Each structure stands twice: as C-alpha cells, then as structure tokens.
C-alpha cells in the first residue's frame, strides 16, 4: 500500500540542500513557500518573513469575520456620541 502526501508548494528542497545554502533557497523562493523534504516526503515548510506575516494577517481576518458573524443580529444598544 502506497500512501501519497500532497506537497503544498511549487518549490521543494532537500534537508541537505537547505543546510548547505539556506540564503540561496530563500532567494529562489521569494515570497512563496518552500517544501523541505526528508526522504522525499514533506517535513516542513519554509516561509519568508513577509509571507508569514501575510498568513498571520489572514488568520486574524478570518477570526474577526467569525466574531462579526456570531454577533450579527444580536442585541444593540443606542448611545449618543456626547455620552461617550
């Protein structure tokens, strides 16, 4: 029985190549993820700081959307700006 594993990156690199020249790997990848393979299976994903920060922003946005949706149609309170 063969188990296949999806690689979620267009660029792949072996652990050995990553150890040899990490800065070159990051330069080639740019802002796209790199799959780090161990025995031809994905062991980790390498992201640039810019890509990681964008991912965190997306996670934050999804969390905010879920909060907004859960409160939609809930009880509202009218206030005057002068009261604040």
C-alpha atoms as a PDB file:
ATOM      1  CA  UNK A   1       0.000   0.000   0.000  1.00  0.00           C
ATOM      2  CA  UNK A   2       1.429   3.359  -1.064  1.00  0.00           C
ATOM      3  CA  UNK A   3       0.435   6.491   0.813  1.00  0.00           C
ATOM      4  CA  UNK A   4       0.774   9.712  -1.151  1.00  0.00           C
ATOM      5  CA  UNK A   5       1.215  13.043   0.534  1.00  0.00           C
ATOM      6  CA  UNK A   6       0.335  16.348  -1.117  1.00  0.00           C
ATOM      7  CA  UNK A   7       3.071  18.943  -1.272  1.00  0.00           C
ATOM      8  CA  UNK A   8       1.644  22.436  -0.828  1.00  0.00           C
ATOM      9  CA  UNK A   9       4.449  24.326  -2.543  1.00  0.00           C
ATOM     10  CA  UNK A  10       5.776  24.747  -6.061  1.00  0.00           C
ATOM     11  CA  UNK A  11       9.365  24.726  -4.812  1.00  0.00           C
ATOM     12  CA  UNK A  12      10.902  21.819  -2.942  1.00  0.00           C
ATOM     13  CA  UNK A  13      14.324  21.389  -1.382  1.00  0.00           C
ATOM     14  CA  UNK A  14      16.034  18.572   0.452  1.00  0.00           C
ATOM     15  CA  UNK A  15      17.168  18.953   4.053  1.00  0.00           C
ATOM     16  CA  UNK A  16      20.758  18.601   2.827  1.00  0.00           C
ATOM     17  CA  UNK A  17      20.435  21.380   0.244  1.00  0.00           C
ATOM     18  CA  UNK A  18      18.764  23.640   2.795  1.00  0.00           C
ATOM     19  CA  UNK A  19      21.643  23.111   5.234  1.00  0.00           C
ATOM     20  CA  UNK A  20      24.204  23.814   2.512  1.00  0.00           C
ATOM     21  CA  UNK A  21      22.829  27.138   1.325  1.00  0.00           C
ATOM     22  CA  UNK A  22      19.727  28.465   3.139  1.00  0.00           C
ATOM     23  CA  UNK A  23      20.084  32.027   1.812  1.00  0.00           C
ATOM     24  CA  UNK A  24      20.073  30.810  -1.800  1.00  0.00           C
ATOM     25  CA  UNK A  25      16.929  28.763  -1.158  1.00  0.00           C
ATOM     26  CA  UNK A  26      15.170  31.821   0.297  1.00  0.00           C
ATOM     27  CA  UNK A  27      16.296  33.952  -2.645  1.00  0.00           C
ATOM     28  CA  UNK A  28      14.937  31.441  -5.166  1.00  0.00           C
ATOM     29  CA  UNK A  29      11.641  31.061  -3.282  1.00  0.00           C
ATOM     30  CA  UNK A  30      10.953  34.771  -2.853  1.00  0.00           C
ATOM     31  CA  UNK A  31       7.643  35.152  -1.031  1.00  0.00           C
ATOM     32  CA  UNK A  32       6.372  31.678  -1.907  1.00  0.00           C
ATOM     33  CA  UNK A  33       6.526  28.682   0.445  1.00  0.00           C
ATOM     34  CA  UNK A  34       9.234  26.039   0.066  1.00  0.00           C
ATOM     35  CA  UNK A  35       8.571  22.425   0.989  1.00  0.00           C
ATOM     36  CA  UNK A  36      11.519  20.940   2.863  1.00  0.00           C
ATOM     37  CA  UNK A  37      11.712  17.245   2.061  1.00  0.00           C
ATOM     38  CA  UNK A  38      13.132  14.475   4.198  1.00  0.00           C
ATOM     39  CA  UNK A  39      13.402  11.177   2.296  1.00  0.00           C
ATOM     40  CA  UNK A  40      11.214  12.709  -0.456  1.00  0.00           C
ATOM     41  CA  UNK A  41       8.368  13.493   1.943  1.00  0.00           C
ATOM     42  CA  UNK A  42       7.456  16.988   3.184  1.00  0.00           C
ATOM     43  CA  UNK A  43       8.932  17.508   6.632  1.00  0.00           C
ATOM     44  CA  UNK A  44       8.427  21.263   6.939  1.00  0.00           C
ATOM     45  CA  UNK A  45       7.515  24.401   5.027  1.00  0.00           C
ATOM     46  CA  UNK A  46       9.783  27.410   4.872  1.00  0.00           C
ATOM     47  CA  UNK A  47       8.241  30.880   4.525  1.00  0.00           C
ATOM     48  CA  UNK A  48       9.759  34.304   4.142  1.00  0.00           C
ATOM     49  CA  UNK A  49       9.018  36.780   6.921  1.00  0.00           C
ATOM     50  CA  UNK A  50       6.752  38.697   4.523  1.00  0.00           C
ATOM     51  CA  UNK A  51       4.745  35.575   3.612  1.00  0.00           C
ATOM     52  CA  UNK A  52       4.462  34.531   7.270  1.00  0.00           C
ATOM     53  CA  UNK A  53       3.203  37.975   8.292  1.00  0.00           C
ATOM     54  CA  UNK A  54       0.636  37.911   5.468  1.00  0.00           C
ATOM     55  CA  UNK A  55      -0.528  34.499   6.666  1.00  0.00           C
ATOM     56  CA  UNK A  56      -0.947  35.815  10.218  1.00  0.00           C
ATOM     57  CA  UNK A  57      -2.995  38.736   8.863  1.00  0.00           C
ATOM     58  CA  UNK A  58      -5.292  36.315   7.024  1.00  0.00           C
ATOM     59  CA  UNK A  59      -5.771  34.236  10.165  1.00  0.00           C
ATOM     60  CA  UNK A  60      -6.591  37.384  12.111  1.00  0.00           C
ATOM     61  CA  UNK A  61      -9.071  38.462   9.424  1.00  0.00           C
ATOM     62  CA  UNK A  62     -10.834  35.079   9.474  1.00  0.00           C
ATOM     63  CA  UNK A  63     -11.079  35.228  13.257  1.00  0.00           C
ATOM     64  CA  UNK A  64     -12.550  38.739  13.079  1.00  0.00           C
ATOM     65  CA  UNK A  65     -15.070  37.658  10.423  1.00  0.00           C
ATOM     66  CA  UNK A  66     -16.199  34.764  12.644  1.00  0.00           C
ATOM     67  CA  UNK A  67     -16.640  37.150  15.590  1.00  0.00           C
ATOM     68  CA  UNK A  68     -18.664  39.579  13.467  1.00  0.00           C
ATOM     69  CA  UNK A  69     -20.867  36.789  12.125  1.00  0.00           C
ATOM     70  CA  UNK A  70     -21.514  35.404  15.597  1.00  0.00           C
ATOM     71  CA  UNK A  71     -22.630  38.847  16.811  1.00  0.00           C
ATOM     72  CA  UNK A  72     -24.707  39.667  13.733  1.00  0.00           C
ATOM     73  CA  UNK A  73     -28.353  40.172  14.567  1.00  0.00           C
ATOM     74  CA  UNK A  74     -27.618  40.374  18.269  1.00  0.00           C
ATOM     75  CA  UNK A  75     -28.823  42.922  20.775  1.00  0.00           C
ATOM     76  CA  UNK A  76     -27.890  46.514  20.024  1.00  0.00           C
ATOM     77  CA  UNK A  77     -27.674  49.499  22.315  1.00  0.00           C
ATOM     78  CA  UNK A  78     -28.240  53.048  21.115  1.00  0.00           C
ATOM     79  CA  UNK A  79     -25.926  55.691  22.541  1.00  0.00           C
ATOM     80  CA  UNK A  80     -25.252  59.346  21.851  1.00  0.00           C
ATOM     81  CA  UNK A  81     -21.737  60.374  20.932  1.00  0.00           C
ATOM     82  CA  UNK A  82     -21.859  63.033  23.633  1.00  0.00           C
ATOM     83  CA  UNK A  83     -22.445  60.278  26.216  1.00  0.00           C
ATOM     84  CA  UNK A  84     -19.178  58.582  25.255  1.00  0.00           C
END
